[in-house]
């Protein structure tokens, strides 16, 4: 039972951390990333500007078109965590 509570607690913490981190990234994109931002502006900034002017435009994209950057960013985090041997489950 102790192991179950420990895993449940860790799960709640990691989900909360992921949600908080996603919120910070979203805020940063909205506040600072524009189409002319070096490196990421052309593929993240442009989509953000369109999304804020035409919110439903995003629904014309499939899942991959809307989420590829998040998936790649998440994969980098998992690979780094794996390389540092800090994946615990």
PDB file of N, CA and C in Angstrom:
ATOM      1  N   UNK A   1       0.823  -1.204   0.000  1.00  0.00           N
ATOM      2  CA  UNK A   1       0.000   0.000   0.000  1.00  0.00           C
ATOM      3  C   UNK A   1       0.866   1.267   0.000  1.00  0.00           C
ATOM      4  N   UNK A   2       1.970   1.202   0.740  1.00  0.00           N
ATOM      5  CA  UNK A   2       2.874   2.347   0.766  1.00  0.00           C
ATOM      6  C   UNK A   2       3.420   2.668  -0.613  1.00  0.00           C
ATOM      7  N   UNK A   3       3.778   1.628  -1.376  1.00  0.00           N
ATOM      8  CA  UNK A   3       4.307   1.820  -2.734  1.00  0.00           C
ATOM      9  C   UNK A   3       3.262   2.487  -3.626  1.00  0.00           C
ATOM     10  N   UNK A   4       2.001   2.056  -3.503  1.00  0.00           N
ATOM     11  CA  UNK A   4       0.912   2.634  -4.297  1.00  0.00           C
ATOM     12  C   UNK A   4       0.758   4.120  -3.991  1.00  0.00           C
ATOM     13  N   UNK A   5       0.761   4.470  -2.720  1.00  0.00           N
ATOM     14  CA  UNK A   5       0.609   5.876  -2.327  1.00  0.00           C
ATOM     15  C   UNK A   5       1.803   6.692  -2.821  1.00  0.00           C
ATOM     16  N   UNK A   6       2.994   6.117  -2.748  1.00  0.00           N
ATOM     17  CA  UNK A   6       4.193   6.799  -3.228  1.00  0.00           C
ATOM     18  C   UNK A   6       4.103   7.081  -4.732  1.00  0.00           C
ATOM     19  N   UNK A   7       3.708   6.081  -5.517  1.00  0.00           N
ATOM     20  CA  UNK A   7       3.578   6.262  -6.968  1.00  0.00           C
ATOM     21  C   UNK A   7       2.461   7.253  -7.280  1.00  0.00           C
ATOM     22  N   UNK A   8       1.350   7.174  -6.561  1.00  0.00           N
ATOM     23  CA  UNK A   8       0.244   8.115  -6.763  1.00  0.00           C
ATOM     24  C   UNK A   8       0.706   9.545  -6.476  1.00  0.00           C
ATOM     25  N   UNK A   9       1.415   9.738  -5.390  1.00  0.00           N
ATOM     26  CA  UNK A   9       1.928  11.055  -5.016  1.00  0.00           C
ATOM     27  C   UNK A   9       2.887  11.590  -6.082  1.00  0.00           C
ATOM     28  N   UNK A  10       3.819  10.735  -6.534  1.00  0.00           N
ATOM     29  CA  UNK A  10       4.755  11.144  -7.576  1.00  0.00           C
ATOM     30  C   UNK A  10       4.016  11.484  -8.874  1.00  0.00           C
ATOM     31  N   UNK A  11       2.996  10.706  -9.188  1.00  0.00           N
ATOM     32  CA  UNK A  11       2.216  10.962 -10.407  1.00  0.00           C
ATOM     33  C   UNK A  11       1.530  12.317 -10.338  1.00  0.00           C
ATOM     34  N   UNK A  12       0.910  12.612  -9.213  1.00  0.00           N
ATOM     35  CA  UNK A  12       0.242  13.905  -9.053  1.00  0.00           C
ATOM     36  C   UNK A  12       1.239  15.061  -9.140  1.00  0.00           C
ATOM     37  N   UNK A  13       2.394  14.892  -8.533  1.00  0.00           N
ATOM     38  CA  UNK A  13       3.407  15.948  -8.588  1.00  0.00           C
ATOM     39  C   UNK A  13       3.928  16.159 -10.002  1.00  0.00           C
ATOM     40  N   UNK A  14       4.195  15.084 -10.717  1.00  0.00           N
ATOM     41  CA  UNK A  14       4.765  15.227 -12.059  1.00  0.00           C
ATOM     42  C   UNK A  14       3.733  15.800 -13.031  1.00  0.00           C
ATOM     43  N   UNK A  15       2.469  15.421 -12.861  1.00  0.00           N
ATOM     44  CA  UNK A  15       1.408  15.987 -13.705  1.00  0.00           C
ATOM     45  C   UNK A  15       1.259  17.483 -13.421  1.00  0.00           C
ATOM     46  N   UNK A  16       1.310  17.852 -12.151  1.00  0.00           N
ATOM     47  CA  UNK A  16       1.225  19.272 -11.789  1.00  0.00           C
ATOM     48  C   UNK A  16       2.413  20.052 -12.337  1.00  0.00           C
ATOM     49  N   UNK A  17       3.610  19.470 -12.241  1.00  0.00           N
ATOM     50  CA  UNK A  17       4.806  20.120 -12.778  1.00  0.00           C
ATOM     51  C   UNK A  17       4.716  20.278 -14.291  1.00  0.00           C
ATOM     52  N   UNK A  18       4.238  19.236 -14.970  1.00  0.00           N
ATOM     53  CA  UNK A  18       4.096  19.306 -16.429  1.00  0.00           C
ATOM     54  C   UNK A  18       3.087  20.383 -16.823  1.00  0.00           C
ATOM     55  N   UNK A  19       1.966  20.456 -16.103  1.00  0.00           N
ATOM     56  CA  UNK A  19       0.947  21.455 -16.410  1.00  0.00           C
ATOM     57  C   UNK A  19       1.480  22.868 -16.157  1.00  0.00           C
ATOM     58  N   UNK A  20       2.168  23.055 -15.054  1.00  0.00           N
ATOM     59  CA  UNK A  20       2.744  24.362 -14.735  1.00  0.00           C
ATOM     60  C   UNK A  20       3.787  24.764 -15.778  1.00  0.00           C
ATOM     61  N   UNK A  21       4.646  23.820 -16.154  1.00  0.00           N
ATOM     62  CA  UNK A  21       5.674  24.088 -17.165  1.00  0.00           C
ATOM     63  C   UNK A  21       5.044  24.448 -18.505  1.00  0.00           C
ATOM     64  N   UNK A  22       4.008  23.716 -18.891  1.00  0.00           N
ATOM     65  CA  UNK A  22       3.319  24.011 -20.150  1.00  0.00           C
ATOM     66  C   UNK A  22       2.707  25.411 -20.110  1.00  0.00           C
ATOM     67  N   UNK A  23       2.175  25.785 -18.959  1.00  0.00           N
ATOM     68  CA  UNK A  23       1.608  27.125 -18.807  1.00  0.00           C
ATOM     69  C   UNK A  23       2.656  28.216 -18.963  1.00  0.00           C
ATOM     70  N   UNK A  24       3.832  27.990 -18.404  1.00  0.00           N
ATOM     71  CA  UNK A  24       4.916  28.969 -18.533  1.00  0.00           C
ATOM     72  C   UNK A  24       5.362  29.088 -19.986  1.00  0.00           C
ATOM     73  N   UNK A  25       5.513  27.949 -20.667  1.00  0.00           N
ATOM     74  CA  UNK A  25       5.915  27.975 -22.074  1.00  0.00           C
ATOM     75  C   UNK A  25       4.861  28.687 -22.909  1.00  0.00           C
ATOM     76  N   UNK A  26       3.579  28.400 -22.663  1.00  0.00           N
ATOM     77  CA  UNK A  26       2.496  29.041 -23.408  1.00  0.00           C
ATOM     78  C   UNK A  26       2.510  30.555 -23.169  1.00  0.00           C
ATOM     79  N   UNK A  27       2.664  30.951 -21.916  1.00  0.00           N
ATOM     80  CA  UNK A  27       2.728  32.378 -21.605  1.00  0.00           C
ATOM     81  C   UNK A  27       3.902  33.033 -22.326  1.00  0.00           C
ATOM     82  N   UNK A  28       5.086  32.384 -22.293  1.00  0.00           N
ATOM     83  CA  UNK A  28       6.263  32.932 -22.954  1.00  0.00           C
ATOM     84  C   UNK A  28       6.023  33.096 -24.453  1.00  0.00           C
ATOM     85  N   UNK A  29       5.425  32.075 -25.081  1.00  0.00           N
ATOM     86  CA  UNK A  29       5.124  32.161 -26.515  1.00  0.00           C
ATOM     87  C   UNK A  29       4.197  33.333 -26.801  1.00  0.00           C
ATOM     88  N   UNK A  30       3.133  33.452 -26.014  1.00  0.00           N
ATOM     89  CA  UNK A  30       2.163  34.523 -26.237  1.00  0.00           C
ATOM     90  C   UNK A  30       2.765  35.904 -25.996  1.00  0.00           C
ATOM     91  N   UNK A  31       3.608  36.013 -24.980  1.00  0.00           N
ATOM     92  CA  UNK A  31       4.131  37.319 -24.595  1.00  0.00           C
ATOM     93  C   UNK A  31       5.314  37.777 -25.445  1.00  0.00           C
ATOM     94  N   UNK A  32       6.153  36.843 -25.884  1.00  0.00           N
ATOM     95  CA  UNK A  32       7.415  37.258 -26.485  1.00  0.00           C
ATOM     96  C   UNK A  32       7.710  36.743 -27.889  1.00  0.00           C
ATOM     97  N   UNK A  33       7.126  35.643 -28.307  1.00  0.00           N
ATOM     98  CA  UNK A  33       7.487  35.063 -29.608  1.00  0.00           C
ATOM     99  C   UNK A  33       6.625  35.672 -30.707  1.00  0.00           C
ATOM    100  N   UNK A  34       7.277  36.261 -31.685  1.00  0.00           N
ATOM    101  CA  UNK A  34       6.610  36.837 -32.849  1.00  0.00           C
ATOM    102  C   UNK A  34       7.191  36.198 -34.103  1.00  0.00           C
ATOM    103  N   UNK A  35       6.639  36.523 -35.247  1.00  0.00           N
ATOM    104  CA  UNK A  35       7.102  35.935 -36.509  1.00  0.00           C
ATOM    105  C   UNK A  35       8.571  36.231 -36.795  1.00  0.00           C
ATOM    106  N   UNK A  36       9.072  37.346 -36.315  1.00  0.00           N
ATOM    107  CA  UNK A  36      10.466  37.713 -36.587  1.00  0.00           C
ATOM    108  C   UNK A  36      11.429  37.298 -35.468  1.00  0.00           C
ATOM    109  N   UNK A  37      10.965  36.513 -34.516  1.00  0.00           N
ATOM    110  CA  UNK A  37      11.833  36.013 -33.451  1.00  0.00           C
ATOM    111  C   UNK A  37      12.847  35.032 -34.040  1.00  0.00           C
ATOM    112  N   UNK A  38      14.139  35.236 -33.774  1.00  0.00           N
ATOM    113  CA  UNK A  38      15.147  34.320 -34.337  1.00  0.00           C
ATOM    114  C   UNK A  38      14.911  32.866 -33.913  1.00  0.00           C
ATOM    115  N   UNK A  39      15.200  31.966 -34.796  1.00  0.00           N
ATOM    116  CA  UNK A  39      15.142  30.516 -34.620  1.00  0.00           C
ATOM    117  C   UNK A  39      13.727  29.940 -34.569  1.00  0.00           C
ATOM    118  N   UNK A  40      12.862  30.470 -33.720  1.00  0.00           N
ATOM    119  CA  UNK A  40      11.546  29.835 -33.548  1.00  0.00           C
ATOM    120  C   UNK A  40      10.382  30.647 -34.099  1.00  0.00           C
ATOM    121  N   UNK A  41      10.629  31.858 -34.497  1.00  0.00           N
ATOM    122  CA  UNK A  41       9.545  32.730 -34.941  1.00  0.00           C
ATOM    123  C   UNK A  41       8.794  32.232 -36.150  1.00  0.00           C
ATOM    124  N   UNK A  42       9.516  31.678 -37.109  1.00  0.00           N
ATOM    125  CA  UNK A  42       8.856  31.284 -38.362  1.00  0.00           C
ATOM    126  C   UNK A  42       7.902  30.113 -38.190  1.00  0.00           C
ATOM    127  N   UNK A  43       8.182  29.213 -37.263  1.00  0.00           N
ATOM    128  CA  UNK A  43       7.286  28.061 -37.138  1.00  0.00           C
ATOM    129  C   UNK A  43       6.443  28.058 -35.875  1.00  0.00           C
ATOM    130  N   UNK A  44       6.763  28.860 -34.869  1.00  0.00           N
ATOM    131  CA  UNK A  44       5.914  28.950 -33.679  1.00  0.00           C
ATOM    132  C   UNK A  44       5.231  30.312 -33.621  1.00  0.00           C
ATOM    133  N   UNK A  45       5.982  31.371 -33.859  1.00  0.00           N
ATOM    134  CA  UNK A  45       5.431  32.721 -33.768  1.00  0.00           C
ATOM    135  C   UNK A  45       4.294  32.968 -34.729  1.00  0.00           C
ATOM    136  N   UNK A  46       4.474  32.554 -35.978  1.00  0.00           N
ATOM    137  CA  UNK A  46       3.433  32.766 -36.989  1.00  0.00           C
ATOM    138  C   UNK A  46       2.141  32.046 -36.599  1.00  0.00           C
ATOM    139  N   UNK A  47       2.257  30.799 -36.166  1.00  0.00           N
ATOM    140  CA  UNK A  47       1.070  30.031 -35.759  1.00  0.00           C
ATOM    141  C   UNK A  47       0.378  30.673 -34.560  1.00  0.00           C
ATOM    142  N   UNK A  48       1.155  31.207 -33.610  1.00  0.00           N
ATOM    143  CA  UNK A  48       0.556  31.866 -32.451  1.00  0.00           C
ATOM    144  C   UNK A  48      -0.212  33.118 -32.844  1.00  0.00           C
ATOM    145  N   UNK A  49       0.361  33.912 -33.731  1.00  0.00           N
ATOM    146  CA  UNK A  49      -0.311  35.141 -34.166  1.00  0.00           C
ATOM    147  C   UNK A  49      -1.622  34.796 -34.865  1.00  0.00           C
ATOM    148  N   UNK A  50      -1.578  33.822 -35.766  1.00  0.00           N
ATOM    149  CA  UNK A  50      -2.803  33.398 -36.462  1.00  0.00           C
ATOM    150  C   UNK A  50      -3.825  32.886 -35.459  1.00  0.00           C
ATOM    151  N   UNK A  51      -3.380  32.057 -34.516  1.00  0.00           N
ATOM    152  CA  UNK A  51      -4.291  31.476 -33.522  1.00  0.00           C
ATOM    153  C   UNK A  51      -4.982  32.558 -32.686  1.00  0.00           C
ATOM    154  N   UNK A  52      -4.277  33.617 -32.356  1.00  0.00           N
ATOM    155  CA  UNK A  52      -4.887  34.655 -31.524  1.00  0.00           C
ATOM    156  C   UNK A  52      -5.821  35.570 -32.307  1.00  0.00           C
ATOM    157  N   UNK A  53      -5.605  35.686 -33.603  1.00  0.00           N
ATOM    158  CA  UNK A  53      -6.507  36.496 -34.420  1.00  0.00           C
ATOM    159  C   UNK A  53      -7.682  35.674 -34.954  1.00  0.00           C
ATOM    160  N   UNK A  54      -7.446  34.411 -35.242  1.00  0.00           N
ATOM    161  CA  UNK A  54      -8.475  33.498 -35.756  1.00  0.00           C
ATOM    162  C   UNK A  54      -8.422  32.197 -34.948  1.00  0.00           C
ATOM    163  N   UNK A  55      -9.009  32.177 -33.741  1.00  0.00           N
ATOM    164  CA  UNK A  55      -8.855  31.031 -32.841  1.00  0.00           C
ATOM    165  C   UNK A  55      -9.256  29.679 -33.441  1.00  0.00           C
ATOM    166  N   UNK A  56     -10.266  29.633 -34.262  1.00  0.00           N
ATOM    167  CA  UNK A  56     -10.713  28.345 -34.812  1.00  0.00           C
ATOM    168  C   UNK A  56      -9.901  27.879 -36.014  1.00  0.00           C
ATOM    169  N   UNK A  57      -9.005  28.701 -36.493  1.00  0.00           N
ATOM    170  CA  UNK A  57      -8.153  28.309 -37.623  1.00  0.00           C
ATOM    171  C   UNK A  57      -7.338  27.059 -37.285  1.00  0.00           C
ATOM    172  N   UNK A  58      -6.999  26.941 -36.026  1.00  0.00           N
ATOM    173  CA  UNK A  58      -6.209  25.804 -35.562  1.00  0.00           C
ATOM    174  C   UNK A  58      -6.930  24.472 -35.779  1.00  0.00           C
ATOM    175  N   UNK A  59      -8.240  24.499 -35.790  1.00  0.00           N
ATOM    176  CA  UNK A  59      -9.005  23.256 -35.959  1.00  0.00           C
ATOM    177  C   UNK A  59      -8.912  22.711 -37.379  1.00  0.00           C
ATOM    178  N   UNK A  60      -8.369  23.486 -38.305  1.00  0.00           N
ATOM    179  CA  UNK A  60      -8.183  23.004 -39.673  1.00  0.00           C
ATOM    180  C   UNK A  60      -6.953  22.101 -39.786  1.00  0.00           C
ATOM    181  N   UNK A  61      -6.087  22.148 -38.784  1.00  0.00           N
ATOM    182  CA  UNK A  61      -4.885  21.317 -38.778  1.00  0.00           C
ATOM    183  C   UNK A  61      -5.181  19.946 -38.187  1.00  0.00           C
ATOM    184  N   UNK A  62      -4.427  18.938 -38.626  1.00  0.00           N
ATOM    185  CA  UNK A  62      -4.538  17.636 -37.970  1.00  0.00           C
ATOM    186  C   UNK A  62      -3.688  17.661 -36.699  1.00  0.00           C
ATOM    187  N   UNK A  63      -3.732  16.546 -35.951  1.00  0.00           N
ATOM    188  CA  UNK A  63      -3.034  16.511 -34.669  1.00  0.00           C
ATOM    189  C   UNK A  63      -1.541  16.761 -34.847  1.00  0.00           C
ATOM    190  N   UNK A  64      -0.925  16.111 -35.819  1.00  0.00           N
ATOM    191  CA  UNK A  64       0.521  16.254 -36.015  1.00  0.00           C
ATOM    192  C   UNK A  64       0.894  17.701 -36.332  1.00  0.00           C
ATOM    193  N   UNK A  65       0.110  18.365 -37.184  1.00  0.00           N
ATOM    194  CA  UNK A  65       0.403  19.754 -37.545  1.00  0.00           C
ATOM    195  C   UNK A  65       0.312  20.681 -36.332  1.00  0.00           C
ATOM    196  N   UNK A  66      -0.574  20.371 -35.407  1.00  0.00           N
ATOM    197  CA  UNK A  66      -0.758  21.217 -34.232  1.00  0.00           C
ATOM    198  C   UNK A  66       0.198  20.882 -33.091  1.00  0.00           C
ATOM    199  N   UNK A  67       0.702  19.655 -33.052  1.00  0.00           N
ATOM    200  CA  UNK A  67       1.417  19.202 -31.856  1.00  0.00           C
ATOM    201  C   UNK A  67       2.844  18.738 -32.081  1.00  0.00           C
ATOM    202  N   UNK A  68       3.355  18.828 -33.292  1.00  0.00           N
ATOM    203  CA  UNK A  68       4.690  18.284 -33.560  1.00  0.00           C
ATOM    204  C   UNK A  68       5.762  18.928 -32.692  1.00  0.00           C
ATOM    205  N   UNK A  69       5.651  20.228 -32.466  1.00  0.00           N
ATOM    206  CA  UNK A  69       6.675  20.903 -31.674  1.00  0.00           C
ATOM    207  C   UNK A  69       6.637  20.464 -30.214  1.00  0.00           C
ATOM    208  N   UNK A  70       5.428  20.271 -29.677  1.00  0.00           N
ATOM    209  CA  UNK A  70       5.298  19.797 -28.300  1.00  0.00           C
ATOM    210  C   UNK A  70       5.837  18.378 -28.151  1.00  0.00           C
ATOM    211  N   UNK A  71       5.545  17.543 -29.130  1.00  0.00           N
ATOM    212  CA  UNK A  71       6.028  16.165 -29.103  1.00  0.00           C
ATOM    213  C   UNK A  71       7.556  16.123 -29.164  1.00  0.00           C
ATOM    214  N   UNK A  72       8.144  16.919 -30.022  1.00  0.00           N
ATOM    215  CA  UNK A  72       9.609  16.958 -30.133  1.00  0.00           C
ATOM    216  C   UNK A  72      10.246  17.479 -28.848  1.00  0.00           C
ATOM    217  N   UNK A  73       9.673  18.525 -28.280  1.00  0.00           N
ATOM    218  CA  UNK A  73      10.182  19.084 -27.028  1.00  0.00           C
ATOM    219  C   UNK A  73      10.092  18.052 -25.906  1.00  0.00           C
ATOM    220  N   UNK A  74       8.970  17.340 -25.841  1.00  0.00           N
ATOM    221  CA  UNK A  74       8.791  16.299 -24.825  1.00  0.00           C
ATOM    222  C   UNK A  74       9.790  15.165 -25.019  1.00  0.00           C
ATOM    223  N   UNK A  75      10.032  14.785 -26.258  1.00  0.00           N
ATOM    224  CA  UNK A  75      10.995  13.720 -26.543  1.00  0.00           C
ATOM    225  C   UNK A  75      12.393  14.121 -26.082  1.00  0.00           C
ATOM    226  N   UNK A  76      12.761  15.376 -26.284  1.00  0.00           N
ATOM    227  CA  UNK A  76      14.070  15.853 -25.830  1.00  0.00           C
ATOM    228  C   UNK A  76      14.165  15.752 -24.309  1.00  0.00           C
ATOM    229  N   UNK A  77      13.113  16.139 -23.610  1.00  0.00           N
ATOM    230  CA  UNK A  77      13.110  16.059 -22.146  1.00  0.00           C
ATOM    231  C   UNK A  77      13.282  14.611 -21.688  1.00  0.00           C
ATOM    232  N   UNK A  78      12.541  13.695 -22.297  1.00  0.00           N
ATOM    233  CA  UNK A  78      12.636  12.283 -21.919  1.00  0.00           C
ATOM    234  C   UNK A  78      14.032  11.733 -22.232  1.00  0.00           C
ATOM    235  N   UNK A  79      14.579  12.079 -23.389  1.00  0.00           N
ATOM    236  CA  UNK A  79      15.920  11.602 -23.745  1.00  0.00           C
ATOM    237  C   UNK A  79      16.988  12.139 -22.790  1.00  0.00           C
ATOM    238  N   UNK A  80      16.879  13.404 -22.422  1.00  0.00           N
ATOM    239  CA  UNK A  80      17.834  13.977 -21.471  1.00  0.00           C
ATOM    240  C   UNK A  80      17.683  13.300 -20.110  1.00  0.00           C
ATOM    241  N   UNK A  81      16.447  13.126 -19.653  1.00  0.00           N
ATOM    242  CA  UNK A  81      16.215  12.455 -18.369  1.00  0.00           C
ATOM    243  C   UNK A  81      16.745  11.027 -18.402  1.00  0.00           C
ATOM    244  N   UNK A  82      16.547  10.334 -19.514  1.00  0.00           N
ATOM    245  CA  UNK A  82      17.077   8.982 -19.654  1.00  0.00           C
ATOM    246  C   UNK A  82      18.594   8.975 -19.653  1.00  0.00           C
ATOM    247  N   UNK A  83      19.194   9.919 -20.349  1.00  0.00           N
ATOM    248  CA  UNK A  83      20.650  10.023 -20.382  1.00  0.00           C
ATOM    249  C   UNK A  83      21.247  10.335 -19.020  1.00  0.00           C
ATOM    250  N   UNK A  84      20.513  11.079 -18.208  1.00  0.00           N
ATOM    251  CA  UNK A  84      20.970  11.402 -16.851  1.00  0.00           C
ATOM    252  C   UNK A  84      20.591  10.322 -15.845  1.00  0.00           C
ATOM    253  N   UNK A  85      19.906   9.287 -16.329  1.00  0.00           N
ATOM    254  CA  UNK A  85      19.464   8.158 -15.500  1.00  0.00           C
ATOM    255  C   UNK A  85      18.561   8.607 -14.349  1.00  0.00           C
ATOM    256  N   UNK A  86      17.622   9.518 -14.662  1.00  0.00           N
ATOM    257  CA  UNK A  86      16.695   9.980 -13.627  1.00  0.00           C
ATOM    258  C   UNK A  86      15.250   9.577 -13.910  1.00  0.00           C
ATOM    259  N   UNK A  87      15.053   8.675 -14.881  1.00  0.00           N
ATOM    260  CA  UNK A  87      13.723   8.102 -15.081  1.00  0.00           C
ATOM    261  C   UNK A  87      13.557   6.997 -14.046  1.00  0.00           C
ATOM    262  N   UNK A  88      12.552   7.104 -13.208  1.00  0.00           N
ATOM    263  CA  UNK A  88      12.457   6.194 -12.062  1.00  0.00           C
ATOM    264  C   UNK A  88      11.454   5.066 -12.232  1.00  0.00           C
ATOM    265  N   UNK A  89      10.589   5.127 -13.223  1.00  0.00           N
ATOM    266  CA  UNK A  89       9.581   4.073 -13.340  1.00  0.00           C
ATOM    267  C   UNK A  89       9.947   3.194 -14.493  1.00  0.00           C
TER     268      UNK A  89
END
